Amino acid sequence: MSEAGQGGKEKTIFGKEKNPTSIVPRKLSLESPLKFRCHPGVRCFTACCGGIKIVLTPYDILQLTKRLGIPAHEFLHRYTTPTYLENTDMPGVIIKLREEDNKCPFVTPEGCTVYTDRPTACRYYPVGMADFHEGGTRDKDGNEETKEEEKFFFLVREEHCKGFEEDKQWTIGEWRADQGVDVRDEMNKEWLRLVMRRKSFGGQATLSEQAKRMFFMASTDIATFRKFVFESSFLDTYEIDEETIASIKEDDVQLMLFSFKYLAATLFGARVLKIREEKIKAKIAEIKKRQDESVLQSIREYEELKAEMDGPKGGK
C-alpha cells in the first residue's frame, strides 16, 4: 500500500517525508523482523491511499499505461499532474488525486484496481529505504557507483495504520520480495541516480529548458523517445551496436534503460555513449569556423574603428 498523508501532510517518494515524525528511529537490515499485513479486512484498508503525493518513475508509467491500454500522453493528461523531483529542477509527475475525496483515482472501497501494477512508492510502505550515498561515487568513466552495504531500511509507523496489529511475521527482505520492490529497485535505480546526482548540485546551476524537456520526455513517454531515436539523426550521431538497436526497437523496458544512459551522457557527461568520429570532426570544424569568423569580424571592426579615428586627422 502507499504511504498515507496524515493530517493533510503530503509525502514524497520511497518513505521520505517532509515531516518524518512517523519514522521509527532504528536502522534495519534485510534480516530484521517485521510484523505487518495489509488486507481488505483490516480497519484502515485504503486509508493510506488519500492525501498523498505519489511520484511516478518511468517504469511505473510504462507498466500502468500497458495495464490501462492507453498511450503515455493520455495517461499523463488523465491521471497525473506535474511536479519537480526531490527538490531539483528536474520535471516529473505525481498521481492526480480525485477532487471529490482526495484519493488515488485507482482506489475503490474494495482496494486498488491496478494492484499488481501499482506504483513503486505504494509497494514500499511501511518499509522505507535510506542510502546516505544515494548520489554514489563516480568511476573512471564518470558513471555512478553505489555500494549495497551503504543502504539500510526503516519503518514508517503511523497512527491510522492497523497493519502492525496483524499477526503476519516477515523479514524485511521477505516483505520487499513479496511486494515486488526488488524488481522495481532494479528498474528505477539508474533513473534515481540521475535525480540524486542533480540534487547534489543544489542551486549552483540550472538545467536548460531543452534539457528539462528531454528529461521529461524520456522519463514519461517511451514511445515518443523511440521516435526520437529512430526518426531523428540520433543513430547518425551515436555509435550504437546492432544488437542494442534491435533490442530497443521492440522492447520497451530495454529502451527505457537505454534512455537513462542517454540522459546520463547528455545531462552529466557520463561516457556511456560514443559519438561517431565523423560527427566529432564536423563539430570541431564548425567550432573552428565560428572562431575564425569571430576573429575576422573582430579585425574588421578594429579596422573600421581605426579608420574612423584616423579620418579627422586625414581631413586636416
C-alpha atoms as a PDB file:
ATOM      1  CA  MET A   1       0.000   0.000   0.000  1.00  0.00           C
ATOM      2  CA  SER A   2       1.012   3.611  -0.447  1.00  0.00           C
ATOM      3  CA  GLU A   3       2.146   5.892   2.307  1.00  0.00           C
ATOM      4  CA  ALA A   4      -0.615   7.945   3.817  1.00  0.00           C
ATOM      5  CA  GLY A   5      -0.871  11.655   4.245  1.00  0.00           C
ATOM      6  CA  GLN A   6      -1.595  12.245   7.914  1.00  0.00           C
ATOM      7  CA  GLY A   7      -3.431  15.424   8.807  1.00  0.00           C
ATOM      8  CA  GLY A   8      -3.254  16.597   5.200  1.00  0.00           C
ATOM      9  CA  LYS A   9       0.553  16.382   5.049  1.00  0.00           C
ATOM     10  CA  GLU A  10       1.984  15.280   1.730  1.00  0.00           C
ATOM     11  CA  LYS A  11       4.782  12.768   1.490  1.00  0.00           C
ATOM     12  CA  THR A  12       7.395  12.241  -1.141  1.00  0.00           C
ATOM     13  CA  ILE A  13       8.951   9.218  -2.761  1.00  0.00           C
ATOM     14  CA  PHE A  14      10.099   5.967  -1.114  1.00  0.00           C
ATOM     15  CA  GLY A  15       9.386   6.638   2.561  1.00  0.00           C
ATOM     16  CA  LYS A  16      10.894  10.108   2.739  1.00  0.00           C
ATOM     17  CA  GLU A  17       8.620  12.693   4.298  1.00  0.00           C
ATOM     18  CA  LYS A  18       8.596  16.447   4.623  1.00  0.00           C
ATOM     19  CA  ASN A  19       7.937  15.887   8.336  1.00  0.00           C
ATOM     20  CA  PRO A  20       9.365  12.462   9.275  1.00  0.00           C
ATOM     21  CA  THR A  21       7.706  12.158  12.708  1.00  0.00           C
ATOM     22  CA  SER A  22       6.291   8.728  11.815  1.00  0.00           C
ATOM     23  CA  ILE A  23       9.686   7.206  11.002  1.00  0.00           C
ATOM     24  CA  VAL A  24      10.825   4.736  13.639  1.00  0.00           C
ATOM     25  CA  PRO A  25      14.422   5.812  14.524  1.00  0.00           C
ATOM     26  CA  ARG A  26      16.025   2.401  14.115  1.00  0.00           C
ATOM     27  CA  LYS A  27      18.200   1.039  11.325  1.00  0.00           C
ATOM     28  CA  LEU A  28      17.010  -2.274   9.927  1.00  0.00           C
ATOM     29  CA  SER A  29      18.568  -4.884   7.644  1.00  0.00           C
ATOM     30  CA  LEU A  30      17.039  -7.368   5.205  1.00  0.00           C
ATOM     31  CA  GLU A  31      17.051  -9.923   8.031  1.00  0.00           C
ATOM     32  CA  SER A  32      15.220  -7.688  10.535  1.00  0.00           C
ATOM     33  CA  PRO A  33      11.771  -8.963  11.618  1.00  0.00           C
ATOM     34  CA  LEU A  34       8.561  -7.238  10.551  1.00  0.00           C
ATOM     35  CA  LYS A  35       5.074  -7.845  11.904  1.00  0.00           C
ATOM     36  CA  PHE A  36       2.661  -6.386   9.362  1.00  0.00           C
ATOM     37  CA  ARG A  37      -0.148  -7.279   6.999  1.00  0.00           C
ATOM     38  CA  CYS A  38      -2.499  -5.238   4.827  1.00  0.00           C
ATOM     39  CA  HIS A  39      -5.735  -6.774   3.506  1.00  0.00           C
ATOM     40  CA  PRO A  40      -9.414  -5.837   2.963  1.00  0.00           C
ATOM     41  CA  GLY A  41     -10.311  -6.965   6.478  1.00  0.00           C
ATOM     42  CA  VAL A  42      -8.011  -4.515   8.256  1.00  0.00           C
ATOM     43  CA  ARG A  43      -9.882  -1.499   9.719  1.00  0.00           C
ATOM     44  CA  CYS A  44      -7.782   1.129   7.936  1.00  0.00           C
ATOM     45  CA  PHE A  45      -7.972  -0.514   4.491  1.00  0.00           C
ATOM     46  CA  THR A  46      -7.344   2.099   1.717  1.00  0.00           C
ATOM     47  CA  ALA A  47      -6.992   4.922   4.289  1.00  0.00           C
ATOM     48  CA  CYS A  48      -3.391   5.336   3.139  1.00  0.00           C
ATOM     49  CA  CYS A  49      -4.436   5.940  -0.483  1.00  0.00           C
ATOM     50  CA  GLY A  50      -5.522   9.543   0.013  1.00  0.00           C
ATOM     51  CA  GLY A  51      -3.854  12.853   0.811  1.00  0.00           C
ATOM     52  CA  ILE A  52      -0.609  11.502  -0.564  1.00  0.00           C
ATOM     53  CA  LYS A  53       1.977  12.584  -3.106  1.00  0.00           C
ATOM     54  CA  ILE A  54       2.834   9.544  -5.238  1.00  0.00           C
ATOM     55  CA  VAL A  55       5.751  10.294  -7.543  1.00  0.00           C
ATOM     56  CA  LEU A  56       5.798   8.040 -10.598  1.00  0.00           C
ATOM     57  CA  THR A  57       9.003   6.579 -12.001  1.00  0.00           C
ATOM     58  CA  PRO A  58       9.415   5.795 -15.724  1.00  0.00           C
ATOM     59  CA  TYR A  59       8.839   2.095 -15.011  1.00  0.00           C
ATOM     60  CA  ASP A  60       5.658   2.904 -13.073  1.00  0.00           C
ATOM     61  CA  ILE A  61       4.326   4.854 -16.059  1.00  0.00           C
ATOM     62  CA  LEU A  62       5.324   2.124 -18.507  1.00  0.00           C
ATOM     63  CA  GLN A  63       3.537  -0.575 -16.517  1.00  0.00           C
ATOM     64  CA  LEU A  64       0.423   1.489 -15.822  1.00  0.00           C
ATOM     65  CA  THR A  65      -0.021   2.523 -19.454  1.00  0.00           C
ATOM     66  CA  LYS A  66       0.240  -1.116 -20.501  1.00  0.00           C
ATOM     67  CA  ARG A  67      -2.234  -2.114 -17.793  1.00  0.00           C
ATOM     68  CA  LEU A  68      -4.753   0.534 -18.861  1.00  0.00           C
ATOM     69  CA  GLY A  69      -4.123   0.072 -22.577  1.00  0.00           C
ATOM     70  CA  ILE A  70      -3.665   3.767 -23.283  1.00  0.00           C
ATOM     71  CA  PRO A  71      -0.747   5.797 -24.694  1.00  0.00           C
ATOM     72  CA  ALA A  72       1.506   7.672 -22.302  1.00  0.00           C
ATOM     73  CA  HIS A  73       0.296  11.137 -23.321  1.00  0.00           C
ATOM     74  CA  GLU A  74      -3.298  10.173 -22.497  1.00  0.00           C
ATOM     75  CA  PHE A  75      -2.285   8.621 -19.182  1.00  0.00           C
ATOM     76  CA  LEU A  76      -0.314  11.733 -18.219  1.00  0.00           C
ATOM     77  CA  HIS A  77      -3.243  14.008 -19.073  1.00  0.00           C
ATOM     78  CA  ARG A  78      -5.902  11.968 -17.261  1.00  0.00           C
ATOM     79  CA  TYR A  79      -4.095  10.654 -14.208  1.00  0.00           C
ATOM     80  CA  THR A  80      -1.098  12.846 -13.368  1.00  0.00           C
ATOM     81  CA  THR A  81      -0.038  16.375 -12.565  1.00  0.00           C
ATOM     82  CA  PRO A  82       3.451  17.920 -12.997  1.00  0.00           C
ATOM     83  CA  THR A  83       5.933  18.205 -10.160  1.00  0.00           C
ATOM     84  CA  TYR A  84       9.652  18.679  -9.577  1.00  0.00           C
ATOM     85  CA  LEU A  85      11.672  15.722  -8.299  1.00  0.00           C
ATOM     86  CA  GLU A  86      13.456  15.682  -4.939  1.00  0.00           C
ATOM     87  CA  ASN A  87      13.830  19.467  -4.631  1.00  0.00           C
ATOM     88  CA  THR A  88      15.512  19.768  -8.044  1.00  0.00           C
ATOM     89  CA  ASP A  89      14.567  21.443 -11.321  1.00  0.00           C
ATOM     90  CA  MET A  90      14.037  18.017 -12.947  1.00  0.00           C
ATOM     91  CA  PRO A  91      10.407  17.678 -14.074  1.00  0.00           C
ATOM     92  CA  GLY A  92       8.303  14.644 -13.208  1.00  0.00           C
ATOM     93  CA  VAL A  93       4.714  13.687 -12.457  1.00  0.00           C
ATOM     94  CA  ILE A  94       2.627  12.632  -9.486  1.00  0.00           C
ATOM     95  CA  ILE A  95      -0.708  10.819  -9.360  1.00  0.00           C
ATOM     96  CA  LYS A  96      -3.616  13.281  -9.694  1.00  0.00           C
ATOM     97  CA  LEU A  97      -5.922  12.647  -6.735  1.00  0.00           C
ATOM     98  CA  ARG A  98      -9.690  12.698  -7.153  1.00  0.00           C
ATOM     99  CA  GLU A  99     -11.218  16.074  -6.356  1.00  0.00           C
ATOM    100  CA  GLU A 100     -14.229  14.635  -4.530  1.00  0.00           C
ATOM    101  CA  ASP A 101     -12.320  12.670  -1.877  1.00  0.00           C
ATOM    102  CA  ASN A 102      -8.601  13.487  -2.405  1.00  0.00           C
ATOM    103  CA  LYS A 103      -7.822   9.821  -3.056  1.00  0.00           C
ATOM    104  CA  CYS A 104      -5.890   7.954  -5.724  1.00  0.00           C
ATOM    105  CA  PRO A 105      -8.023   7.549  -8.879  1.00  0.00           C
ATOM    106  CA  PHE A 106      -7.305   3.821  -8.901  1.00  0.00           C
ATOM    107  CA  VAL A 107      -8.555   3.037  -5.395  1.00  0.00           C
ATOM    108  CA  THR A 108     -12.056   1.807  -4.514  1.00  0.00           C
ATOM    109  CA  PRO A 109     -13.543   0.640  -1.173  1.00  0.00           C
ATOM    110  CA  GLU A 110     -12.618  -2.885  -2.296  1.00  0.00           C
ATOM    111  CA  GLY A 111      -8.973  -1.945  -2.885  1.00  0.00           C
ATOM    112  CA  CYS A 112      -6.586  -0.915  -5.652  1.00  0.00           C
ATOM    113  CA  THR A 113      -7.822  -1.589  -9.180  1.00  0.00           C
ATOM    114  CA  VAL A 114      -4.260  -1.689 -10.559  1.00  0.00           C
ATOM    115  CA  TYR A 115      -2.731  -3.513  -7.601  1.00  0.00           C
ATOM    116  CA  THR A 116      -0.384  -5.840  -9.496  1.00  0.00           C
ATOM    117  CA  ASP A 117       0.947  -2.825 -11.434  1.00  0.00           C
ATOM    118  CA  ARG A 118       0.768  -0.273  -8.597  1.00  0.00           C
ATOM    119  CA  PRO A 119       3.495   2.402  -8.365  1.00  0.00           C
ATOM    120  CA  THR A 120       6.818   1.769  -6.666  1.00  0.00           C
ATOM    121  CA  ALA A 121       6.068   4.219  -3.837  1.00  0.00           C
ATOM    122  CA  CYS A 122       2.966   2.200  -2.927  1.00  0.00           C
ATOM    123  CA  ARG A 123       4.996  -1.008  -2.692  1.00  0.00           C
ATOM    124  CA  TYR A 124       7.443   0.357  -0.150  1.00  0.00           C
ATOM    125  CA  TYR A 125       5.020   1.088   2.679  1.00  0.00           C
ATOM    126  CA  PRO A 126       5.662   0.590   5.561  1.00  0.00           C
ATOM    127  CA  VAL A 127       9.339  -0.175   4.886  1.00  0.00           C
ATOM    128  CA  GLY A 128      11.448   2.760   3.742  1.00  0.00           C
ATOM    129  CA  MET A 129      14.979   2.545   2.392  1.00  0.00           C
ATOM    130  CA  ALA A 130      17.759   5.030   3.045  1.00  0.00           C
ATOM    131  CA  ASP A 131      21.136   5.451   1.416  1.00  0.00           C
ATOM    132  CA  PHE A 132      23.428   8.180   2.715  1.00  0.00           C
ATOM    133  CA  HIS A 133      25.420   7.899  -0.526  1.00  0.00           C
ATOM    134  CA  GLU A 134      22.452   7.994  -2.909  1.00  0.00           C
ATOM    135  CA  GLY A 135      24.391  10.090  -5.394  1.00  0.00           C
ATOM    136  CA  GLY A 136      27.089   7.425  -5.390  1.00  0.00           C
ATOM    137  CA  THR A 137      30.716   7.795  -6.287  1.00  0.00           C
ATOM    138  CA  ARG A 138      31.997   8.100  -9.829  1.00  0.00           C
ATOM    139  CA  ASP A 139      34.129   5.581 -11.659  1.00  0.00           C
ATOM    140  CA  LYS A 140      36.799   6.475 -14.241  1.00  0.00           C
ATOM    141  CA  ASP A 141      34.132   6.824 -16.940  1.00  0.00           C
ATOM    142  CA  GLY A 142      32.048   9.248 -14.915  1.00  0.00           C
ATOM    143  CA  ASN A 143      29.361   6.671 -14.074  1.00  0.00           C
ATOM    144  CA  GLU A 144      27.665   6.390 -10.699  1.00  0.00           C
ATOM    145  CA  GLU A 145      28.660   3.633  -8.285  1.00  0.00           C
ATOM    146  CA  THR A 146      26.539   2.717  -5.269  1.00  0.00           C
ATOM    147  CA  LYS A 147      27.583   0.117  -2.712  1.00  0.00           C
ATOM    148  CA  GLU A 148      24.882  -2.218  -1.408  1.00  0.00           C
ATOM    149  CA  GLU A 149      26.189  -2.065   2.177  1.00  0.00           C
ATOM    150  CA  GLU A 150      25.555   1.681   2.286  1.00  0.00           C
ATOM    151  CA  LYS A 151      21.787   1.081   2.305  1.00  0.00           C
ATOM    152  CA  PHE A 152      19.602   0.400   5.323  1.00  0.00           C
ATOM    153  CA  PHE A 153      15.886   0.184   5.994  1.00  0.00           C
ATOM    154  CA  PHE A 154      13.450   1.749   8.447  1.00  0.00           C
ATOM    155  CA  LEU A 155       9.768   1.554   9.367  1.00  0.00           C
ATOM    156  CA  VAL A 156       7.141   4.211   8.754  1.00  0.00           C
ATOM    157  CA  ARG A 157       4.610   3.762  11.534  1.00  0.00           C
ATOM    158  CA  GLU A 158       1.521   5.961  11.502  1.00  0.00           C
ATOM    159  CA  GLU A 159      -1.349   6.146  13.987  1.00  0.00           C
ATOM    160  CA  HIS A 160      -4.061   5.331  11.494  1.00  0.00           C
ATOM    161  CA  CYS A 161      -2.328   2.170  10.190  1.00  0.00           C
ATOM    162  CA  LYS A 162      -3.617  -1.012  11.831  1.00  0.00           C
ATOM    163  CA  GLY A 163      -1.490  -3.323   9.709  1.00  0.00           C
ATOM    164  CA  PHE A 164       1.037  -3.535  12.521  1.00  0.00           C
ATOM    165  CA  GLU A 165      -1.636  -5.165  14.725  1.00  0.00           C
ATOM    166  CA  GLU A 166      -1.872  -8.141  12.380  1.00  0.00           C
ATOM    167  CA  ASP A 167      -0.109 -11.415  13.227  1.00  0.00           C
ATOM    168  CA  LYS A 168       1.816 -11.949   9.974  1.00  0.00           C
ATOM    169  CA  GLN A 169       5.585 -12.243  10.547  1.00  0.00           C
ATOM    170  CA  TRP A 170       8.154 -11.435   7.852  1.00  0.00           C
ATOM    171  CA  THR A 171      11.714 -10.330   7.491  1.00  0.00           C
ATOM    172  CA  ILE A 172      12.301  -7.017   5.712  1.00  0.00           C
ATOM    173  CA  GLY A 173      13.758  -8.965   2.789  1.00  0.00           C
ATOM    174  CA  GLU A 174      10.718 -11.247   2.575  1.00  0.00           C
ATOM    175  CA  TRP A 175       8.347  -8.274   2.649  1.00  0.00           C
ATOM    176  CA  ARG A 176      10.254  -6.484  -0.131  1.00  0.00           C
ATOM    177  CA  ALA A 177      10.275  -9.621  -2.298  1.00  0.00           C
ATOM    178  CA  ASP A 178       6.547 -10.177  -1.720  1.00  0.00           C
ATOM    179  CA  GLN A 179       5.761  -6.591  -2.722  1.00  0.00           C
ATOM    180  CA  GLY A 180       7.925  -6.723  -5.850  1.00  0.00           C
ATOM    181  CA  VAL A 181      10.173  -3.938  -4.559  1.00  0.00           C
ATOM    182  CA  ASP A 182      13.422  -5.609  -5.607  1.00  0.00           C
ATOM    183  CA  VAL A 183      12.331  -5.697  -9.254  1.00  0.00           C
ATOM    184  CA  ARG A 184      11.243  -2.056  -9.088  1.00  0.00           C
ATOM    185  CA  ASP A 185      14.503  -1.002  -7.478  1.00  0.00           C
ATOM    186  CA  GLU A 186      16.446  -2.606 -10.310  1.00  0.00           C
ATOM    187  CA  MET A 187      14.278  -0.879 -12.921  1.00  0.00           C
ATOM    188  CA  ASN A 188      14.424   2.505 -11.174  1.00  0.00           C
ATOM    189  CA  LYS A 189      17.990   2.707  -9.893  1.00  0.00           C
ATOM    190  CA  GLU A 190      19.694   4.415 -12.864  1.00  0.00           C
ATOM    191  CA  TRP A 191      16.884   6.971 -13.152  1.00  0.00           C
ATOM    192  CA  LEU A 192      17.020   7.687  -9.436  1.00  0.00           C
ATOM    193  CA  ARG A 193      20.778   8.143  -9.668  1.00  0.00           C
ATOM    194  CA  LEU A 194      20.192  10.851 -12.264  1.00  0.00           C
ATOM    195  CA  VAL A 195      17.833  12.618  -9.868  1.00  0.00           C
ATOM    196  CA  MET A 196      20.206  12.219  -6.927  1.00  0.00           C
ATOM    197  CA  ARG A 197      23.157  13.455  -8.969  1.00  0.00           C
ATOM    198  CA  ARG A 198      21.145  16.505  -9.986  1.00  0.00           C
ATOM    199  CA  LYS A 199      20.126  17.046  -6.360  1.00  0.00           C
ATOM    200  CA  SER A 200      23.790  17.012  -5.311  1.00  0.00           C
ATOM    201  CA  PHE A 201      24.368  20.146  -7.420  1.00  0.00           C
ATOM    202  CA  GLY A 202      21.887  22.117  -5.307  1.00  0.00           C
ATOM    203  CA  GLY A 203      21.085  25.524  -6.734  1.00  0.00           C
ATOM    204  CA  GLN A 204      24.525  26.052  -8.225  1.00  0.00           C
ATOM    205  CA  ALA A 205      23.334  25.505 -11.786  1.00  0.00           C
ATOM    206  CA  THR A 206      20.065  25.121 -13.641  1.00  0.00           C
ATOM    207  CA  LEU A 207      19.077  22.822 -16.472  1.00  0.00           C
ATOM    208  CA  SER A 208      18.277  24.418 -19.804  1.00  0.00           C
ATOM    209  CA  GLU A 209      14.668  24.282 -20.960  1.00  0.00           C
ATOM    210  CA  GLN A 210      15.727  21.896 -23.730  1.00  0.00           C
ATOM    211  CA  ALA A 211      17.365  19.572 -21.170  1.00  0.00           C
ATOM    212  CA  LYS A 212      14.254  19.650 -18.997  1.00  0.00           C
ATOM    213  CA  ARG A 213      12.030  18.777 -21.953  1.00  0.00           C
ATOM    214  CA  MET A 214      14.297  15.895 -22.950  1.00  0.00           C
ATOM    215  CA  PHE A 215      14.416  14.517 -19.402  1.00  0.00           C
ATOM    216  CA  PHE A 216      10.627  14.738 -19.097  1.00  0.00           C
ATOM    217  CA  MET A 217      10.007  13.117 -22.474  1.00  0.00           C
ATOM    218  CA  ALA A 218      12.440  10.257 -21.880  1.00  0.00           C
ATOM    219  CA  SER A 219      11.068   9.700 -18.351  1.00  0.00           C
ATOM    220  CA  THR A 220       7.369   9.724 -19.158  1.00  0.00           C
ATOM    221  CA  ASP A 221       6.734   8.840 -22.813  1.00  0.00           C
ATOM    222  CA  ILE A 222       8.846   5.979 -24.082  1.00  0.00           C
ATOM    223  CA  ALA A 223       7.000   5.842 -27.436  1.00  0.00           C
ATOM    224  CA  THR A 224       7.999   9.424 -28.214  1.00  0.00           C
ATOM    225  CA  PHE A 225      11.576   8.703 -27.114  1.00  0.00           C
ATOM    226  CA  ARG A 226      11.634   5.767 -29.542  1.00  0.00           C
ATOM    227  CA  LYS A 227      10.605   8.114 -32.364  1.00  0.00           C
ATOM    228  CA  PHE A 228      13.398  10.459 -31.312  1.00  0.00           C
ATOM    229  CA  VAL A 229      15.945   7.633 -31.545  1.00  0.00           C
ATOM    230  CA  PHE A 230      14.791   6.161 -34.853  1.00  0.00           C
ATOM    231  CA  GLU A 231      13.351   9.151 -36.711  1.00  0.00           C
ATOM    232  CA  SER A 232      15.967  11.813 -35.973  1.00  0.00           C
ATOM    233  CA  SER A 233      19.712  11.997 -36.599  1.00  0.00           C
ATOM    234  CA  PHE A 234      20.326  10.119 -33.324  1.00  0.00           C
ATOM    235  CA  LEU A 235      21.723   6.932 -34.873  1.00  0.00           C
ATOM    236  CA  ASP A 236      23.877   9.001 -37.233  1.00  0.00           C
ATOM    237  CA  THR A 237      25.346  10.780 -34.227  1.00  0.00           C
ATOM    238  CA  TYR A 238      25.980   7.914 -31.792  1.00  0.00           C
ATOM    239  CA  GLU A 239      27.685   4.571 -32.319  1.00  0.00           C
ATOM    240  CA  ILE A 240      25.081   2.030 -31.221  1.00  0.00           C
ATOM    241  CA  ASP A 241      25.684  -1.670 -31.852  1.00  0.00           C
ATOM    242  CA  GLU A 242      23.173  -3.626 -33.928  1.00  0.00           C
ATOM    243  CA  GLU A 243      22.102  -5.846 -31.030  1.00  0.00           C
ATOM    244  CA  THR A 244      21.164  -2.808 -28.934  1.00  0.00           C
ATOM    245  CA  ILE A 245      19.345  -1.190 -31.861  1.00  0.00           C
ATOM    246  CA  ALA A 246      17.277  -4.339 -32.418  1.00  0.00           C
ATOM    247  CA  SER A 247      16.518  -4.595 -28.707  1.00  0.00           C
ATOM    248  CA  ILE A 248      15.387  -1.023 -28.126  1.00  0.00           C
ATOM    249  CA  LYS A 249      13.313  -1.074 -31.315  1.00  0.00           C
ATOM    250  CA  GLU A 250      10.998  -3.742 -29.917  1.00  0.00           C
ATOM    251  CA  ASP A 251      11.489  -3.916 -26.130  1.00  0.00           C
ATOM    252  CA  ASP A 252      10.072  -1.014 -24.102  1.00  0.00           C
ATOM    253  CA  VAL A 253      11.974  -1.931 -20.932  1.00  0.00           C
ATOM    254  CA  GLN A 254      15.299  -2.082 -22.774  1.00  0.00           C
ATOM    255  CA  LEU A 255      14.512   1.247 -24.439  1.00  0.00           C
ATOM    256  CA  MET A 256      13.714   2.760 -21.040  1.00  0.00           C
ATOM    257  CA  LEU A 257      17.025   1.544 -19.604  1.00  0.00           C
ATOM    258  CA  PHE A 258      18.810   2.864 -22.691  1.00  0.00           C
ATOM    259  CA  SER A 259      17.156   6.269 -22.193  1.00  0.00           C
ATOM    260  CA  PHE A 260      18.762   6.508 -18.759  1.00  0.00           C
ATOM    261  CA  LYS A 261      22.192   6.085 -20.362  1.00  0.00           C
ATOM    262  CA  TYR A 262      21.378   8.766 -22.900  1.00  0.00           C
ATOM    263  CA  LEU A 263      20.264  11.174 -20.152  1.00  0.00           C
ATOM    264  CA  ALA A 264      23.396  10.443 -18.101  1.00  0.00           C
ATOM    265  CA  ALA A 265      25.534  11.230 -21.152  1.00  0.00           C
ATOM    266  CA  THR A 266      23.731  14.396 -22.235  1.00  0.00           C
ATOM    267  CA  LEU A 267      22.938  15.878 -18.821  1.00  0.00           C
ATOM    268  CA  PHE A 268      26.055  14.912 -16.879  1.00  0.00           C
ATOM    269  CA  GLY A 269      28.688  13.944 -19.428  1.00  0.00           C
ATOM    270  CA  ALA A 270      28.892  10.270 -18.426  1.00  0.00           C
ATOM    271  CA  ARG A 271      30.927   8.384 -21.023  1.00  0.00           C
ATOM    272  CA  VAL A 272      28.351   5.688 -21.703  1.00  0.00           C
ATOM    273  CA  LEU A 273      27.562   6.555 -25.335  1.00  0.00           C
ATOM    274  CA  LYS A 274      30.158   7.097 -28.051  1.00  0.00           C
ATOM    275  CA  ILE A 275      29.705   9.855 -30.599  1.00  0.00           C
ATOM    276  CA  ARG A 276      30.710   8.916 -34.144  1.00  0.00           C
ATOM    277  CA  GLU A 277      34.197  10.132 -35.107  1.00  0.00           C
ATOM    278  CA  GLU A 278      32.955  11.994 -38.189  1.00  0.00           C
ATOM    279  CA  LYS A 279      30.427  13.885 -36.049  1.00  0.00           C
ATOM    280  CA  ILE A 280      33.172  14.955 -33.661  1.00  0.00           C
ATOM    281  CA  LYS A 281      35.339  16.145 -36.562  1.00  0.00           C
ATOM    282  CA  ALA A 282      32.406  18.015 -38.103  1.00  0.00           C
ATOM    283  CA  LYS A 283      31.646  19.681 -34.778  1.00  0.00           C
ATOM    284  CA  ILE A 284      35.280  20.698 -34.312  1.00  0.00           C
ATOM    285  CA  ALA A 285      35.309  22.136 -37.827  1.00  0.00           C
ATOM    286  CA  GLU A 286      32.086  24.022 -37.111  1.00  0.00           C
ATOM    287  CA  ILE A 287      33.522  25.471 -33.901  1.00  0.00           C
ATOM    288  CA  LYS A 288      36.765  26.420 -35.652  1.00  0.00           C
ATOM    289  CA  LYS A 289      34.814  28.084 -38.445  1.00  0.00           C
ATOM    290  CA  ARG A 290      32.815  30.115 -35.935  1.00  0.00           C
ATOM    291  CA  GLN A 291      36.024  31.082 -34.124  1.00  0.00           C
ATOM    292  CA  ASP A 292      37.701  32.094 -37.412  1.00  0.00           C
ATOM    293  CA  GLU A 293      34.666  34.141 -38.409  1.00  0.00           C
ATOM    294  CA  SER A 294      34.662  35.781 -34.991  1.00  0.00           C
ATOM    295  CA  VAL A 295      38.347  36.696 -35.330  1.00  0.00           C
ATOM    296  CA  LEU A 296      37.798  38.099 -38.835  1.00  0.00           C
ATOM    297  CA  GLN A 297      34.797  40.079 -37.610  1.00  0.00           C
ATOM    298  CA  SER A 298      36.913  41.492 -34.756  1.00  0.00           C
ATOM    299  CA  ILE A 299      39.623  42.517 -37.251  1.00  0.00           C
ATOM    300  CA  ARG A 300      37.052  44.237 -39.469  1.00  0.00           C
ATOM    301  CA  GLU A 301      35.556  46.080 -36.530  1.00  0.00           C
ATOM    302  CA  TYR A 302      39.034  47.161 -35.394  1.00  0.00           C
ATOM    303  CA  GLU A 303      39.923  48.414 -38.885  1.00  0.00           C
ATOM    304  CA  GLU A 304      36.607  50.306 -39.133  1.00  0.00           C
ATOM    305  CA  LEU A 305      37.164  51.882 -35.733  1.00  0.00           C
ATOM    306  CA  LYS A 306      40.757  52.792 -36.642  1.00  0.00           C
ATOM    307  CA  ALA A 307      39.578  54.361 -39.905  1.00  0.00           C
ATOM    308  CA  GLU A 308      37.024  56.462 -38.016  1.00  0.00           C
ATOM    309  CA  MET A 309      39.692  57.621 -35.570  1.00  0.00           C
ATOM    310  CA  ASP A 310      42.158  58.398 -38.366  1.00  0.00           C
ATOM    311  CA  GLY A 311      39.582  60.118 -40.542  1.00  0.00           C
ATOM    312  CA  PRO A 312      39.543  63.601 -38.952  1.00  0.00           C
ATOM    313  CA  LYS A 313      43.331  63.695 -38.926  1.00  0.00           C
ATOM    314  CA  GLY A 314      43.456  62.931 -42.618  1.00  0.00           C
ATOM    315  CA  GLY A 315      40.977  65.765 -43.297  1.00  0.00           C
ATOM    316  CA  LYS A 316      43.121  68.452 -41.648  1.00  0.00           C
END
